[in-house]
Amino acid sequence: MNRKNHSRRDKCRRDATAVALFIGLGIMMFGCSSSTWEDAQQTDTYEAYQTYIDDNPGGEHIKEAKKRADARYWNAIETDTTARAFEEYLDKFPGGQFQAEAQKRITQLSGSGGVATEGQVTGSNIIIRSDHTTQSPSAGVVANEGTIVQILDRYQSGSSKEAILKHPITVVHNGSRINLSGGKAIRILEDHNDSVRASFSTPGFGSVESSISKDDIEAMSGQRWYKIQTSDNITGWIYGKFVKEL
């Protein structure tokens, strides 16, 4: 009888040990579960938010996590003195909140060893284009002649039907006189002996076509464009005629 009791007690001990191990494994498994939003908020670091993003790609707070990861990463590098730190930021956050500032810092830290140099705008109210063509939308305007800008890139145009006016002219359209300023962008539609048929847009008349003397225009084919950044972080392209490299 005693042997039976001992045997039962041993079995109970073995069963209890097995249950304990099972519970322990369960706790370990739950302990290794993915990061929660509460965890990320409590730690409040780039690494914590990135872990939440990696573990919860479809999580409820994914947009906010990405925004905070961006901000915390920027906070960690914003006083860095190497261009590489900001290049890595752009690699990690190609559409980041601080993209313009990162590019500006790269420009500043690259110095003469990089592509970026300073330039001086040689005209007033010069349109900054979103691309190196007069047909692209305006990204802003450099109002004052002599404004200093950062040159980020250069582009040599190929064959083009684009041109600018050398000086102010007046054209007649449907009996109305239209005054056009020097530097006005036009598109050449037809090439004649001494003139061109060109199209251009005006605030008061919309899209207009008119004949313009070749003496009044400067073809833009083969000319340079500069990608610039202003002190208030407007980035875009300016026709090379209006930028002097310093």
C-alpha atoms as a PDB file:
ATOM      1  CA  MET A   1       0.000   0.000   0.000  1.00  0.00           C
ATOM      2  CA  ASN A   2       2.839   2.357   0.879  1.00  0.00           C
ATOM      3  CA  ARG A   3       4.544   1.569  -2.389  1.00  0.00           C
ATOM      4  CA  LYS A   4       1.357   2.479  -4.236  1.00  0.00           C
ATOM      5  CA  ASN A   5       1.112   5.773  -2.351  1.00  0.00           C
ATOM      6  CA  HIS A   6       4.754   6.592  -3.146  1.00  0.00           C
ATOM      7  CA  SER A   7       4.178   5.756  -6.742  1.00  0.00           C
ATOM      8  CA  ARG A   8       1.145   8.039  -6.896  1.00  0.00           C
ATOM      9  CA  ARG A   9       3.085  10.877  -5.224  1.00  0.00           C
ATOM     10  CA  ASP A  10       5.947  10.474  -7.731  1.00  0.00           C
ATOM     11  CA  LYS A  11       3.484  10.568 -10.608  1.00  0.00           C
ATOM     12  CA  CYS A  12       1.871  13.704  -9.207  1.00  0.00           C
ATOM     13  CA  ARG A  13       5.291  15.347  -8.919  1.00  0.00           C
ATOM     14  CA  ARG A  14       6.113  14.452 -12.525  1.00  0.00           C
ATOM     15  CA  ASP A  15       2.740  15.788 -13.712  1.00  0.00           C
ATOM     16  CA  ALA A  16       3.200  19.001 -11.721  1.00  0.00           C
ATOM     17  CA  THR A  17       6.680  19.479 -13.203  1.00  0.00           C
ATOM     18  CA  ALA A  18       5.337  18.966 -16.730  1.00  0.00           C
ATOM     19  CA  VAL A  19       2.551  21.519 -16.110  1.00  0.00           C
ATOM     20  CA  ALA A  20       5.046  24.010 -14.718  1.00  0.00           C
ATOM     21  CA  LEU A  21       7.296  23.586 -17.740  1.00  0.00           C
ATOM     22  CA  PHE A  22       4.325  24.034 -20.065  1.00  0.00           C
ATOM     23  CA  ILE A  23       3.258  27.208 -18.271  1.00  0.00           C
ATOM     24  CA  GLY A  24       6.847  28.478 -18.302  1.00  0.00           C
ATOM     25  CA  LEU A  25       7.130  27.911 -22.029  1.00  0.00           C
ATOM     26  CA  GLY A  26       3.839  29.714 -22.527  1.00  0.00           C
ATOM     27  CA  ILE A  27       5.095  32.695 -20.575  1.00  0.00           C
ATOM     28  CA  MET A  28       8.300  32.714 -22.615  1.00  0.00           C
ATOM     29  CA  MET A  29       6.321  32.588 -25.853  1.00  0.00           C
ATOM     30  CA  PHE A  30       4.103  35.462 -24.809  1.00  0.00           C
ATOM     31  CA  GLY A  31       7.132  37.333 -23.577  1.00  0.00           C
ATOM     32  CA  CYS A  32       8.578  37.173 -27.112  1.00  0.00           C
ATOM     33  CA  SER A  33       5.425  38.570 -28.727  1.00  0.00           C
ATOM     34  CA  SER A  34       5.630  41.567 -31.074  1.00  0.00           C
ATOM     35  CA  SER A  35       6.134  45.107 -29.826  1.00  0.00           C
ATOM     36  CA  THR A  36       2.982  47.011 -28.903  1.00  0.00           C
ATOM     37  CA  TRP A  37       2.133  50.659 -29.450  1.00  0.00           C
ATOM     38  CA  GLU A  38       2.217  51.155 -25.680  1.00  0.00           C
ATOM     39  CA  ASP A  39       5.768  49.756 -25.585  1.00  0.00           C
ATOM     40  CA  ALA A  40       6.895  52.125 -28.330  1.00  0.00           C
ATOM     41  CA  GLN A  41       5.280  55.156 -26.689  1.00  0.00           C
ATOM     42  CA  GLN A  42       6.810  54.354 -23.316  1.00  0.00           C
ATOM     43  CA  THR A  43      10.347  54.015 -24.726  1.00  0.00           C
ATOM     44  CA  ASP A  44       9.798  56.889 -27.196  1.00  0.00           C
ATOM     45  CA  THR A  45      12.915  56.346 -29.336  1.00  0.00           C
ATOM     46  CA  TYR A  46      13.526  55.826 -33.040  1.00  0.00           C
ATOM     47  CA  GLU A  47      14.468  52.206 -32.374  1.00  0.00           C
ATOM     48  CA  ALA A  48      11.266  51.540 -30.404  1.00  0.00           C
ATOM     49  CA  TYR A  49       9.007  52.997 -33.085  1.00  0.00           C
ATOM     50  CA  GLN A  50      10.937  51.180 -35.816  1.00  0.00           C
ATOM     51  CA  THR A  51      10.488  47.905 -33.934  1.00  0.00           C
ATOM     52  CA  TYR A  52       6.740  48.555 -33.746  1.00  0.00           C
ATOM     53  CA  ILE A  53       6.712  49.279 -37.501  1.00  0.00           C
ATOM     54  CA  ASP A  54       8.631  46.094 -38.298  1.00  0.00           C
ATOM     55  CA  ASP A  55       6.449  43.940 -36.021  1.00  0.00           C
ATOM     56  CA  ASN A  56       3.120  45.528 -36.980  1.00  0.00           C
ATOM     57  CA  PRO A  57       3.186  46.495 -40.695  1.00  0.00           C
ATOM     58  CA  GLY A  58      -0.608  46.745 -40.697  1.00  0.00           C
ATOM     59  CA  GLY A  59      -0.926  48.156 -37.199  1.00  0.00           C
ATOM     60  CA  GLU A  60      -3.523  50.710 -36.179  1.00  0.00           C
ATOM     61  CA  HIS A  61      -0.848  53.265 -35.274  1.00  0.00           C
ATOM     62  CA  ILE A  62       1.531  52.643 -38.179  1.00  0.00           C
ATOM     63  CA  LYS A  63       1.285  56.168 -39.654  1.00  0.00           C
ATOM     64  CA  GLU A  64       1.921  57.840 -36.318  1.00  0.00           C
ATOM     65  CA  ALA A  65       4.776  55.408 -35.604  1.00  0.00           C
ATOM     66  CA  LYS A  66       6.475  56.302 -38.893  1.00  0.00           C
ATOM     67  CA  LYS A  67       6.055  60.010 -38.192  1.00  0.00           C
ATOM     68  CA  ARG A  68       7.542  59.668 -34.707  1.00  0.00           C
ATOM     69  CA  ALA A  69      10.373  57.431 -35.913  1.00  0.00           C
ATOM     70  CA  ASP A  70      11.232  60.124 -38.466  1.00  0.00           C
ATOM     71  CA  ALA A  71      11.203  62.873 -35.826  1.00  0.00           C
ATOM     72  CA  ARG A  72      13.229  60.922 -33.250  1.00  0.00           C
ATOM     73  CA  TYR A  73      15.842  59.971 -35.851  1.00  0.00           C
ATOM     74  CA  TRP A  74      16.137  63.610 -36.939  1.00  0.00           C
ATOM     75  CA  ASN A  75      16.502  64.755 -33.321  1.00  0.00           C
ATOM     76  CA  ALA A  76      19.448  62.409 -32.970  1.00  0.00           C
ATOM     77  CA  ILE A  77      21.346  63.702 -36.029  1.00  0.00           C
ATOM     78  CA  GLU A  78      20.329  67.339 -36.462  1.00  0.00           C
ATOM     79  CA  THR A  79      23.532  68.643 -34.816  1.00  0.00           C
ATOM     80  CA  ASP A  80      25.805  66.245 -36.713  1.00  0.00           C
ATOM     81  CA  THR A  81      28.653  67.849 -38.639  1.00  0.00           C
ATOM     82  CA  THR A  82      28.996  65.270 -41.437  1.00  0.00           C
ATOM     83  CA  ALA A  83      27.099  65.249 -44.723  1.00  0.00           C
ATOM     84  CA  ARG A  84      26.939  61.443 -44.534  1.00  0.00           C
ATOM     85  CA  ALA A  85      24.575  61.567 -41.535  1.00  0.00           C
ATOM     86  CA  PHE A  86      22.022  63.539 -43.541  1.00  0.00           C
ATOM     87  CA  GLU A  87      22.491  61.390 -46.637  1.00  0.00           C
ATOM     88  CA  GLU A  88      21.631  58.362 -44.485  1.00  0.00           C
ATOM     89  CA  TYR A  89      18.538  60.190 -43.224  1.00  0.00           C
ATOM     90  CA  LEU A  90      17.366  60.696 -46.825  1.00  0.00           C
ATOM     91  CA  ASP A  91      17.993  56.999 -47.515  1.00  0.00           C
ATOM     92  CA  LYS A  92      15.898  55.950 -44.496  1.00  0.00           C
ATOM     93  CA  PHE A  93      13.150  58.549 -44.977  1.00  0.00           C
ATOM     94  CA  PRO A  94      12.925  59.450 -48.712  1.00  0.00           C
ATOM     95  CA  GLY A  95       9.679  61.318 -48.081  1.00  0.00           C
ATOM     96  CA  GLY A  96      10.587  62.463 -44.587  1.00  0.00           C
ATOM     97  CA  GLN A  97       9.408  65.574 -42.749  1.00  0.00           C
ATOM     98  CA  PHE A  98      12.917  67.033 -42.781  1.00  0.00           C
ATOM     99  CA  GLN A  99      13.884  66.250 -46.369  1.00  0.00           C
ATOM    100  CA  ALA A 100      14.463  69.881 -47.403  1.00  0.00           C
ATOM    101  CA  GLU A 101      16.491  70.642 -44.283  1.00  0.00           C
ATOM    102  CA  ALA A 102      18.590  67.483 -44.748  1.00  0.00           C
ATOM    103  CA  GLN A 103      19.367  68.454 -48.343  1.00  0.00           C
ATOM    104  CA  LYS A 104      20.298  71.957 -47.198  1.00  0.00           C
ATOM    105  CA  ARG A 105      22.665  70.556 -44.567  1.00  0.00           C
ATOM    106  CA  ILE A 106      24.264  68.239 -47.141  1.00  0.00           C
ATOM    107  CA  THR A 107      24.827  71.242 -49.380  1.00  0.00           C
ATOM    108  CA  GLN A 108      26.371  73.252 -46.552  1.00  0.00           C
ATOM    109  CA  LEU A 109      28.610  70.435 -45.341  1.00  0.00           C
ATOM    110  CA  SER A 110      29.703  69.249 -48.783  1.00  0.00           C
ATOM    111  CA  GLY A 111      31.480  72.529 -49.435  1.00  0.00           C
ATOM    112  CA  SER A 112      33.509  72.955 -52.589  1.00  0.00           C
ATOM    113  CA  GLY A 113      34.238  69.225 -52.672  1.00  0.00           C
ATOM    114  CA  GLY A 114      30.665  68.381 -53.684  1.00  0.00           C
ATOM    115  CA  VAL A 115      28.376  69.424 -56.488  1.00  0.00           C
ATOM    116  CA  ALA A 116      26.863  72.287 -54.537  1.00  0.00           C
ATOM    117  CA  THR A 117      28.226  75.810 -54.915  1.00  0.00           C
ATOM    118  CA  GLU A 118      26.794  79.271 -54.490  1.00  0.00           C
ATOM    119  CA  GLY A 119      25.227  81.260 -57.272  1.00  0.00           C
ATOM    120  CA  GLN A 120      23.858  84.765 -57.686  1.00  0.00           C
ATOM    121  CA  VAL A 121      20.569  85.425 -59.478  1.00  0.00           C
ATOM    122  CA  THR A 122      21.112  88.043 -62.188  1.00  0.00           C
ATOM    123  CA  GLY A 123      17.514  89.141 -62.720  1.00  0.00           C
ATOM    124  CA  SER A 124      14.393  90.002 -60.738  1.00  0.00           C
ATOM    125  CA  ASN A 125      11.160  88.002 -60.466  1.00  0.00           C
ATOM    126  CA  ILE A 126      12.865  84.948 -61.966  1.00  0.00           C
ATOM    127  CA  ILE A 127      10.625  81.873 -62.041  1.00  0.00           C
ATOM    128  CA  ILE A 128      11.884  78.710 -60.353  1.00  0.00           C
ATOM    129  CA  ARG A 129      10.628  75.717 -62.349  1.00  0.00           C
ATOM    130  CA  SER A 130       9.860  72.247 -61.016  1.00  0.00           C
ATOM    131  CA  ASP A 131      11.920  70.807 -63.910  1.00  0.00           C
ATOM    132  CA  HIS A 132      14.490  72.060 -66.441  1.00  0.00           C
ATOM    133  CA  THR A 133      11.920  73.227 -68.996  1.00  0.00           C
ATOM    134  CA  THR A 134       9.824  76.369 -69.383  1.00  0.00           C
ATOM    135  CA  GLN A 135       6.726  74.176 -69.720  1.00  0.00           C
ATOM    136  CA  SER A 136       7.041  72.756 -66.187  1.00  0.00           C
ATOM    137  CA  PRO A 137       5.037  74.278 -63.310  1.00  0.00           C
ATOM    138  CA  SER A 138       6.441  77.108 -61.220  1.00  0.00           C
ATOM    139  CA  ALA A 139       7.903  76.145 -57.840  1.00  0.00           C
ATOM    140  CA  GLY A 140       8.378  79.763 -56.757  1.00  0.00           C
ATOM    141  CA  VAL A 141      10.004  83.061 -57.700  1.00  0.00           C
ATOM    142  CA  VAL A 142      13.289  84.772 -56.876  1.00  0.00           C
ATOM    143  CA  ALA A 143      12.083  88.337 -56.485  1.00  0.00           C
ATOM    144  CA  ASN A 144      15.316  90.288 -56.094  1.00  0.00           C
ATOM    145  CA  GLU A 145      18.283  90.533 -58.418  1.00  0.00           C
ATOM    146  CA  GLY A 146      21.499  89.619 -56.614  1.00  0.00           C
ATOM    147  CA  THR A 147      19.903  86.955 -54.398  1.00  0.00           C
ATOM    148  CA  ILE A 148      22.398  84.270 -53.339  1.00  0.00           C
ATOM    149  CA  VAL A 149      21.257  80.654 -53.850  1.00  0.00           C
ATOM    150  CA  GLN A 150      22.782  77.207 -53.477  1.00  0.00           C
ATOM    151  CA  ILE A 151      23.484  75.390 -56.763  1.00  0.00           C
ATOM    152  CA  LEU A 152      22.578  71.724 -56.316  1.00  0.00           C
ATOM    153  CA  ASP A 153      22.838  70.417 -59.875  1.00  0.00           C
ATOM    154  CA  ARG A 154      23.324  71.420 -63.505  1.00  0.00           C
ATOM    155  CA  TYR A 155      21.591  70.298 -66.697  1.00  0.00           C
ATOM    156  CA  GLN A 156      22.623  70.888 -70.294  1.00  0.00           C
ATOM    157  CA  SER A 157      19.541  71.046 -72.503  1.00  0.00           C
ATOM    158  CA  GLY A 158      19.437  69.286 -75.854  1.00  0.00           C
ATOM    159  CA  SER A 159      17.360  70.088 -78.923  1.00  0.00           C
ATOM    160  CA  SER A 160      14.443  72.251 -77.851  1.00  0.00           C
ATOM    161  CA  LYS A 161      11.683  74.430 -79.217  1.00  0.00           C
ATOM    162  CA  GLU A 162      11.883  76.707 -76.203  1.00  0.00           C
ATOM    163  CA  ALA A 163      13.154  80.271 -76.203  1.00  0.00           C
ATOM    164  CA  ILE A 164      13.080  83.430 -74.087  1.00  0.00           C
ATOM    165  CA  LEU A 165      12.657  87.075 -75.022  1.00  0.00           C
ATOM    166  CA  LYS A 166      15.885  89.093 -74.983  1.00  0.00           C
ATOM    167  CA  HIS A 167      14.067  92.289 -73.988  1.00  0.00           C
ATOM    168  CA  PRO A 168      10.513  93.644 -73.528  1.00  0.00           C
ATOM    169  CA  ILE A 169       8.382  93.619 -76.679  1.00  0.00           C
ATOM    170  CA  THR A 170       4.788  94.338 -77.680  1.00  0.00           C
ATOM    171  CA  VAL A 171       2.743  91.984 -79.865  1.00  0.00           C
ATOM    172  CA  VAL A 172      -0.721  92.419 -81.344  1.00  0.00           C
ATOM    173  CA  HIS A 173      -3.338  89.700 -80.803  1.00  0.00           C
ATOM    174  CA  ASN A 174      -6.890  90.029 -82.140  1.00  0.00           C
ATOM    175  CA  GLY A 175      -6.455  93.804 -82.241  1.00  0.00           C
ATOM    176  CA  SER A 176      -5.152  94.002 -78.659  1.00  0.00           C
ATOM    177  CA  ARG A 177      -1.602  95.056 -77.756  1.00  0.00           C
ATOM    178  CA  ILE A 178       0.123  92.705 -75.336  1.00  0.00           C
ATOM    179  CA  ASN A 179       3.271  93.820 -73.499  1.00  0.00           C
ATOM    180  CA  LEU A 180       5.743  90.999 -72.813  1.00  0.00           C
ATOM    181  CA  SER A 181       8.692  91.377 -70.446  1.00  0.00           C
ATOM    182  CA  GLY A 182      12.288  90.423 -71.169  1.00  0.00           C
ATOM    183  CA  GLY A 183      13.021  86.843 -70.112  1.00  0.00           C
ATOM    184  CA  LYS A 184       9.485  85.731 -70.977  1.00  0.00           C
ATOM    185  CA  ALA A 185       9.422  82.030 -71.955  1.00  0.00           C
ATOM    186  CA  ILE A 186       7.903  81.136 -75.333  1.00  0.00           C
ATOM    187  CA  ARG A 187       7.540  77.938 -77.358  1.00  0.00           C
ATOM    188  CA  ILE A 188       8.449  78.004 -81.053  1.00  0.00           C
ATOM    189  CA  LEU A 189       5.750  76.489 -83.254  1.00  0.00           C
ATOM    190  CA  GLU A 190       7.015  77.433 -86.735  1.00  0.00           C
ATOM    191  CA  ASP A 191      10.352  78.755 -87.966  1.00  0.00           C
ATOM    192  CA  HIS A 192      10.272  81.353 -90.778  1.00  0.00           C
ATOM    193  CA  ASN A 193      13.055  83.371 -92.430  1.00  0.00           C
ATOM    194  CA  ASP A 194      13.218  86.321 -90.037  1.00  0.00           C
ATOM    195  CA  SER A 195      10.578  85.380 -87.480  1.00  0.00           C
ATOM    196  CA  VAL A 196       8.959  82.522 -85.597  1.00  0.00           C
ATOM    197  CA  ARG A 197       5.395  81.632 -84.836  1.00  0.00           C
ATOM    198  CA  ALA A 198       5.366  81.202 -81.067  1.00  0.00           C
ATOM    199  CA  SER A 199       2.954  80.415 -78.262  1.00  0.00           C
ATOM    200  CA  PHE A 200       3.048  81.817 -74.747  1.00  0.00           C
ATOM    201  CA  SER A 201       0.673  82.406 -71.849  1.00  0.00           C
ATOM    202  CA  THR A 202      -0.410  85.705 -70.296  1.00  0.00           C
ATOM    203  CA  PRO A 203      -2.600  86.473 -67.265  1.00  0.00           C
ATOM    204  CA  GLY A 204      -5.044  88.601 -69.228  1.00  0.00           C
ATOM    205  CA  PHE A 205      -5.290  86.654 -72.486  1.00  0.00           C
ATOM    206  CA  GLY A 206      -4.476  83.055 -71.550  1.00  0.00           C
ATOM    207  CA  SER A 207      -2.648  81.022 -74.195  1.00  0.00           C
ATOM    208  CA  VAL A 208      -1.669  83.183 -77.188  1.00  0.00           C
ATOM    209  CA  GLU A 209       0.038  82.569 -80.534  1.00  0.00           C
ATOM    210  CA  SER A 210       1.867  85.364 -82.324  1.00  0.00           C
ATOM    211  CA  SER A 211       4.658  86.125 -84.792  1.00  0.00           C
ATOM    212  CA  ILE A 212       7.889  87.315 -83.135  1.00  0.00           C
ATOM    213  CA  SER A 213      11.099  88.550 -84.770  1.00  0.00           C
ATOM    214  CA  LYS A 214      14.138  86.309 -84.386  1.00  0.00           C
ATOM    215  CA  ASP A 215      16.067  89.377 -83.252  1.00  0.00           C
ATOM    216  CA  ASP A 216      13.876  89.465 -80.139  1.00  0.00           C
ATOM    217  CA  ILE A 217      14.386  85.890 -78.988  1.00  0.00           C
ATOM    218  CA  GLU A 218      17.145  83.704 -77.603  1.00  0.00           C
ATOM    219  CA  ALA A 219      16.859  79.982 -78.323  1.00  0.00           C
ATOM    220  CA  MET A 220      17.350  77.767 -75.265  1.00  0.00           C
ATOM    221  CA  SER A 221      18.593  74.703 -77.142  1.00  0.00           C
ATOM    222  CA  GLY A 222      21.953  73.554 -75.767  1.00  0.00           C
ATOM    223  CA  GLN A 223      21.814  75.987 -72.850  1.00  0.00           C
ATOM    224  CA  ARG A 224      22.398  75.228 -69.179  1.00  0.00           C
ATOM    225  CA  TRP A 225      19.863  75.049 -66.366  1.00  0.00           C
ATOM    226  CA  TYR A 226      20.700  75.199 -62.664  1.00  0.00           C
ATOM    227  CA  LYS A 227      18.933  73.358 -59.881  1.00  0.00           C
ATOM    228  CA  ILE A 228      18.980  75.775 -56.967  1.00  0.00           C
ATOM    229  CA  GLN A 229      17.794  76.087 -53.390  1.00  0.00           C
ATOM    230  CA  THR A 230      16.849  79.414 -51.847  1.00  0.00           C
ATOM    231  CA  SER A 231      17.393  80.489 -48.246  1.00  0.00           C
ATOM    232  CA  ASP A 232      13.710  79.763 -47.532  1.00  0.00           C
ATOM    233  CA  ASN A 233      14.087  76.177 -48.841  1.00  0.00           C
ATOM    234  CA  ILE A 234      12.441  76.541 -52.266  1.00  0.00           C
ATOM    235  CA  THR A 235      14.115  74.058 -54.609  1.00  0.00           C
ATOM    236  CA  GLY A 236      13.798  74.003 -58.389  1.00  0.00           C
ATOM    237  CA  TRP A 237      15.389  74.886 -61.731  1.00  0.00           C
ATOM    238  CA  ILE A 238      16.410  78.292 -63.109  1.00  0.00           C
ATOM    239  CA  TYR A 239      17.524  78.963 -66.664  1.00  0.00           C
ATOM    240  CA  GLY A 240      21.309  79.420 -66.731  1.00  0.00           C
ATOM    241  CA  LYS A 241      21.110  82.923 -68.177  1.00  0.00           C
ATOM    242  CA  PHE A 242      19.829  84.127 -64.837  1.00  0.00           C
ATOM    243  CA  VAL A 243      22.402  82.495 -62.559  1.00  0.00           C
ATOM    244  CA  LYS A 244      26.046  83.474 -62.084  1.00  0.00           C
ATOM    245  CA  GLU A 245      28.251  80.883 -60.374  1.00  0.00           C
ATOM    246  CA  LEU A 246      30.316  82.266 -57.504  1.00  0.00           C
END
